[in-house]
Amino acid sequence: MVKDFTTKNFETDVLKSDLPVLVEFWAAWCGPCQKVAPILEDLSKDVKGLAVVGKLNVDSESEIADDLDIMSIPTIVVFKEGKVHQSMIGVQSKETLKKMLDL
């Protein structure tokens, strides 16, 4: 299951997570972001219990996107131990996303 991140749960569910967390920064109007959605769904099933997969809407949660200097979407960021581990811009394959998680 792909989790929705907001300002209310970002610190707890992303920054304080014991597992690696992959976050897609997206917006409803972003065409490429729509292509990422099914890839994230599929990935979330593959990494269940090993990592968390989620997304954050940059329009409704712009403060977090601004804090992380997200300039383009989709941007995919992997957090480990509360810090940015790796990030990529654009649509990525499930295999690439899995490699980002180092699983």
N, C-alpha and C. Protein backbone atom coordinates (compact mmCIF):
# COMPACT_ATOMS: atom_id res chain seq x y z
N MET A 1 0.85 -1.19 0.00
CA MET A 1 0.00 0.00 0.00
C MET A 1 0.89 1.25 0.00
N VAL A 2 0.58 2.17 -0.88
CA VAL A 2 1.31 3.43 -0.97
C VAL A 2 0.71 4.39 0.06
N LYS A 3 1.56 4.92 0.89
CA LYS A 3 1.14 5.79 1.98
C LYS A 3 1.11 7.25 1.52
N ASP A 4 0.17 8.02 2.03
CA ASP A 4 0.13 9.46 1.75
C ASP A 4 0.82 10.19 2.89
N PHE A 5 1.84 10.96 2.55
CA PHE A 5 2.56 11.73 3.56
C PHE A 5 2.08 13.17 3.57
N THR A 6 1.97 13.72 4.76
CA THR A 6 1.54 15.11 4.96
C THR A 6 2.43 15.74 6.03
N THR A 7 2.23 17.01 6.28
CA THR A 7 2.98 17.66 7.35
C THR A 7 2.69 17.01 8.70
N LYS A 8 1.52 16.40 8.84
CA LYS A 8 1.14 15.77 10.11
C LYS A 8 1.90 14.48 10.37
N ASN A 9 2.22 13.72 9.33
CA ASN A 9 2.86 12.42 9.56
C ASN A 9 4.28 12.31 9.00
N PHE A 10 4.79 13.34 8.33
CA PHE A 10 6.08 13.24 7.67
C PHE A 10 7.22 12.95 8.65
N GLU A 11 7.25 13.69 9.74
CA GLU A 11 8.34 13.48 10.70
C GLU A 11 8.30 12.07 11.28
N THR A 12 7.14 11.64 11.73
CA THR A 12 7.00 10.32 12.35
C THR A 12 7.19 9.19 11.34
N ASP A 13 6.51 9.27 10.20
CA ASP A 13 6.48 8.16 9.25
C ASP A 13 7.65 8.12 8.28
N VAL A 14 8.34 9.25 8.10
CA VAL A 14 9.46 9.29 7.17
C VAL A 14 10.77 9.48 7.93
N LEU A 15 10.89 10.59 8.63
CA LEU A 15 12.16 10.94 9.27
C LEU A 15 12.51 10.05 10.45
N LYS A 16 11.50 9.52 11.14
CA LYS A 16 11.77 8.67 12.30
C LYS A 16 11.51 7.18 12.03
N SER A 17 11.34 6.83 10.77
CA SER A 17 11.07 5.44 10.41
C SER A 17 12.31 4.57 10.61
N ASP A 18 12.10 3.36 11.11
CA ASP A 18 13.18 2.38 11.24
C ASP A 18 13.53 1.75 9.89
N LEU A 19 12.59 1.85 8.95
CA LEU A 19 12.78 1.27 7.62
C LEU A 19 13.15 2.38 6.63
N PRO A 20 13.81 2.02 5.52
CA PRO A 20 14.00 3.01 4.45
C PRO A 20 12.63 3.46 3.94
N VAL A 21 12.54 4.72 3.56
CA VAL A 21 11.26 5.26 3.06
C VAL A 21 11.49 5.91 1.70
N LEU A 22 10.73 5.46 0.70
CA LEU A 22 10.78 6.05 -0.64
C LEU A 22 9.58 6.98 -0.76
N VAL A 23 9.84 8.23 -1.08
CA VAL A 23 8.77 9.23 -1.20
C VAL A 23 8.78 9.82 -2.61
N GLU A 24 7.61 9.76 -3.25
CA GLU A 24 7.46 10.46 -4.53
C GLU A 24 6.82 11.80 -4.24
N PHE A 25 7.48 12.87 -4.69
CA PHE A 25 6.90 14.21 -4.62
C PHE A 25 6.17 14.42 -5.93
N TRP A 26 4.86 14.69 -5.85
CA TRP A 26 4.00 14.67 -7.03
C TRP A 26 2.93 15.76 -6.93
N ALA A 27 2.15 15.89 -8.01
CA ALA A 27 0.97 16.76 -8.04
C ALA A 27 -0.06 16.15 -8.98
N ALA A 28 -1.33 16.43 -8.73
CA ALA A 28 -2.42 15.85 -9.53
C ALA A 28 -2.33 16.25 -11.00
N TRP A 29 -1.83 17.45 -11.29
CA TRP A 29 -1.77 17.97 -12.66
C TRP A 29 -0.54 17.46 -13.43
N CYS A 30 0.32 16.71 -12.78
CA CYS A 30 1.59 16.26 -13.37
C CYS A 30 1.39 14.94 -14.11
N GLY A 31 1.47 14.99 -15.44
CA GLY A 31 1.29 13.79 -16.26
C GLY A 31 2.26 12.67 -15.93
N PRO A 32 3.57 12.95 -15.89
CA PRO A 32 4.52 11.88 -15.55
C PRO A 32 4.26 11.28 -14.16
N CYS A 33 3.76 12.09 -13.24
CA CYS A 33 3.46 11.59 -11.89
C CYS A 33 2.39 10.49 -11.95
N GLN A 34 1.45 10.64 -12.88
CA GLN A 34 0.39 9.64 -13.03
C GLN A 34 0.99 8.29 -13.47
N LYS A 35 2.07 8.34 -14.25
CA LYS A 35 2.72 7.11 -14.70
C LYS A 35 3.47 6.42 -13.57
N VAL A 36 3.89 7.18 -12.58
CA VAL A 36 4.63 6.62 -11.45
C VAL A 36 3.71 5.87 -10.50
N ALA A 37 2.46 6.29 -10.38
CA ALA A 37 1.52 5.73 -9.41
C ALA A 37 1.43 4.20 -9.45
N PRO A 38 1.19 3.57 -10.62
CA PRO A 38 1.10 2.10 -10.61
C PRO A 38 2.44 1.43 -10.29
N ILE A 39 3.54 2.09 -10.64
CA ILE A 39 4.87 1.54 -10.33
C ILE A 39 5.06 1.51 -8.81
N LEU A 40 4.65 2.60 -8.14
CA LEU A 40 4.76 2.65 -6.69
C LEU A 40 3.88 1.61 -6.02
N GLU A 41 2.67 1.42 -6.55
CA GLU A 41 1.75 0.41 -6.00
C GLU A 41 2.41 -0.97 -6.04
N ASP A 42 2.95 -1.30 -7.19
CA ASP A 42 3.61 -2.58 -7.39
C ASP A 42 4.83 -2.72 -6.48
N LEU A 43 5.63 -1.68 -6.42
CA LEU A 43 6.83 -1.69 -5.58
C LEU A 43 6.48 -1.87 -4.11
N SER A 44 5.43 -1.20 -3.66
CA SER A 44 5.05 -1.27 -2.25
C SER A 44 4.72 -2.69 -1.83
N LYS A 45 4.15 -3.48 -2.74
CA LYS A 45 3.85 -4.89 -2.44
C LYS A 45 5.13 -5.70 -2.35
N ASP A 46 6.08 -5.40 -3.24
CA ASP A 46 7.35 -6.14 -3.27
C ASP A 46 8.21 -5.90 -2.04
N VAL A 47 8.16 -4.69 -1.48
CA VAL A 47 9.06 -4.34 -0.37
C VAL A 47 8.35 -4.29 0.98
N LYS A 48 7.13 -4.80 1.04
CA LYS A 48 6.35 -4.76 2.28
C LYS A 48 7.16 -5.39 3.42
N GLY A 49 7.25 -4.66 4.51
CA GLY A 49 7.99 -5.13 5.67
C GLY A 49 9.48 -4.80 5.62
N LEU A 50 9.97 -4.41 4.44
CA LEU A 50 11.40 -4.08 4.27
C LEU A 50 11.61 -2.58 4.09
N ALA A 51 10.60 -1.90 3.54
CA ALA A 51 10.67 -0.47 3.28
C ALA A 51 9.26 0.09 3.21
N VAL A 52 9.16 1.41 3.30
CA VAL A 52 7.88 2.10 3.19
C VAL A 52 7.89 2.88 1.88
N VAL A 53 6.76 2.82 1.15
CA VAL A 53 6.62 3.54 -0.11
C VAL A 53 5.45 4.50 0.04
N GLY A 54 5.68 5.75 -0.33
CA GLY A 54 4.62 6.73 -0.20
C GLY A 54 4.80 7.90 -1.13
N LYS A 55 3.87 8.85 -1.02
CA LYS A 55 3.93 10.03 -1.88
C LYS A 55 3.49 11.25 -1.09
N LEU A 56 3.96 12.40 -1.57
CA LEU A 56 3.63 13.66 -0.93
C LEU A 56 3.23 14.65 -2.01
N ASN A 57 2.03 15.21 -1.88
CA ASN A 57 1.50 16.15 -2.85
C ASN A 57 2.15 17.52 -2.62
N VAL A 58 2.91 18.00 -3.60
CA VAL A 58 3.64 19.26 -3.43
C VAL A 58 2.72 20.48 -3.42
N ASP A 59 1.51 20.35 -3.93
CA ASP A 59 0.57 21.47 -3.90
C ASP A 59 -0.01 21.67 -2.50
N SER A 60 -0.43 20.57 -1.87
CA SER A 60 -1.04 20.69 -0.54
C SER A 60 -0.01 20.66 0.58
N GLU A 61 1.20 20.18 0.30
CA GLU A 61 2.25 20.06 1.33
C GLU A 61 3.52 20.78 0.86
N SER A 62 3.34 21.99 0.37
CA SER A 62 4.46 22.72 -0.24
C SER A 62 5.58 23.04 0.75
N GLU A 63 5.26 23.16 2.02
CA GLU A 63 6.28 23.49 3.02
C GLU A 63 7.39 22.43 3.06
N ILE A 64 7.01 21.17 3.05
CA ILE A 64 8.01 20.08 3.07
C ILE A 64 8.80 20.08 1.77
N ALA A 65 8.12 20.22 0.65
CA ALA A 65 8.80 20.25 -0.65
C ALA A 65 9.79 21.41 -0.70
N ASP A 66 9.40 22.56 -0.18
CA ASP A 66 10.29 23.72 -0.15
C ASP A 66 11.50 23.47 0.74
N ASP A 67 11.26 22.89 1.91
CA ASP A 67 12.35 22.59 2.85
C ASP A 67 13.39 21.66 2.22
N LEU A 68 12.94 20.77 1.36
CA LEU A 68 13.84 19.80 0.72
C LEU A 68 14.32 20.25 -0.66
N ASP A 69 13.98 21.50 -1.03
CA ASP A 69 14.38 22.07 -2.32
C ASP A 69 13.93 21.23 -3.52
N ILE A 70 12.69 20.73 -3.45
CA ILE A 70 12.12 19.98 -4.57
C ILE A 70 11.71 20.99 -5.63
N MET A 71 12.37 20.94 -6.79
CA MET A 71 12.12 21.92 -7.85
C MET A 71 11.35 21.33 -9.04
N SER A 72 11.44 20.02 -9.22
CA SER A 72 10.80 19.34 -10.34
C SER A 72 10.02 18.15 -9.81
N ILE A 73 8.95 17.80 -10.52
CA ILE A 73 8.21 16.59 -10.15
C ILE A 73 7.98 15.75 -11.40
N PRO A 74 7.90 14.44 -11.26
CA PRO A 74 8.08 13.72 -10.01
C PRO A 74 9.55 13.68 -9.57
N THR A 75 9.77 13.92 -8.29
CA THR A 75 11.07 13.69 -7.68
C THR A 75 10.88 12.55 -6.69
N ILE A 76 11.76 11.58 -6.75
CA ILE A 76 11.67 10.43 -5.86
C ILE A 76 12.88 10.46 -4.94
N VAL A 77 12.60 10.44 -3.64
CA VAL A 77 13.66 10.54 -2.63
C VAL A 77 13.57 9.35 -1.70
N VAL A 78 14.73 8.75 -1.42
CA VAL A 78 14.82 7.68 -0.42
C VAL A 78 15.44 8.28 0.84
N PHE A 79 14.73 8.10 1.95
CA PHE A 79 15.21 8.54 3.25
C PHE A 79 15.66 7.31 4.04
N LYS A 80 16.81 7.43 4.68
CA LYS A 80 17.30 6.40 5.59
C LYS A 80 17.78 7.08 6.85
N GLU A 81 17.29 6.59 7.98
CA GLU A 81 17.66 7.15 9.28
C GLU A 81 17.43 8.66 9.34
N GLY A 82 16.33 9.10 8.73
CA GLY A 82 15.93 10.50 8.80
C GLY A 82 16.64 11.44 7.84
N LYS A 83 17.51 10.89 7.00
CA LYS A 83 18.26 11.73 6.07
C LYS A 83 18.03 11.30 4.63
N VAL A 84 18.20 12.26 3.70
CA VAL A 84 18.08 11.93 2.29
C VAL A 84 19.26 11.02 1.92
N HIS A 85 18.92 9.85 1.41
CA HIS A 85 19.93 8.86 1.02
C HIS A 85 20.23 8.99 -0.47
N GLN A 86 19.18 9.16 -1.25
CA GLN A 86 19.32 9.23 -2.71
C GLN A 86 18.06 9.88 -3.29
N SER A 87 18.22 10.55 -4.44
CA SER A 87 17.04 11.11 -5.10
C SER A 87 17.22 11.08 -6.61
N MET A 88 16.08 11.02 -7.30
CA MET A 88 16.05 11.02 -8.77
C MET A 88 14.85 11.82 -9.22
N ILE A 89 14.97 12.42 -10.38
CA ILE A 89 13.87 13.18 -10.97
C ILE A 89 13.35 12.42 -12.17
N GLY A 90 12.03 12.38 -12.32
CA GLY A 90 11.41 11.76 -13.48
C GLY A 90 10.88 10.36 -13.19
N VAL A 91 10.21 9.81 -14.19
CA VAL A 91 9.64 8.47 -14.08
C VAL A 91 10.78 7.46 -14.08
N GLN A 92 10.75 6.56 -13.11
CA GLN A 92 11.78 5.52 -12.98
C GLN A 92 11.11 4.15 -12.98
N SER A 93 11.85 3.14 -13.40
CA SER A 93 11.33 1.77 -13.40
C SER A 93 11.28 1.24 -11.97
N LYS A 94 10.49 0.20 -11.78
CA LYS A 94 10.40 -0.44 -10.46
C LYS A 94 11.77 -0.95 -10.04
N GLU A 95 12.53 -1.49 -10.98
CA GLU A 95 13.86 -2.03 -10.68
C GLU A 95 14.79 -0.92 -10.19
N THR A 96 14.74 0.24 -10.84
CA THR A 96 15.56 1.38 -10.42
C THR A 96 15.18 1.83 -9.01
N LEU A 97 13.89 1.90 -8.74
CA LEU A 97 13.43 2.32 -7.43
C LEU A 97 13.86 1.33 -6.36
N LYS A 98 13.80 0.04 -6.68
CA LYS A 98 14.23 -0.99 -5.74
C LYS A 98 15.72 -0.84 -5.43
N LYS A 99 16.51 -0.56 -6.45
CA LYS A 99 17.95 -0.34 -6.27
C LYS A 99 18.21 0.87 -5.39
N MET A 100 17.38 1.92 -5.54
CA MET A 100 17.53 3.11 -4.70
C MET A 100 17.38 2.77 -3.23
N LEU A 101 16.51 1.79 -2.94
CA LEU A 101 16.26 1.38 -1.57
C LEU A 101 17.38 0.48 -1.01
N ASP A 102 18.26 -0.01 -1.89
CA ASP A 102 19.35 -0.92 -1.50
C ASP A 102 18.83 -2.18 -0.82
N LEU A 103 17.75 -2.75 -1.36
CA LEU A 103 17.20 -3.98 -0.75
C LEU A 103 17.69 -5.21 -1.48
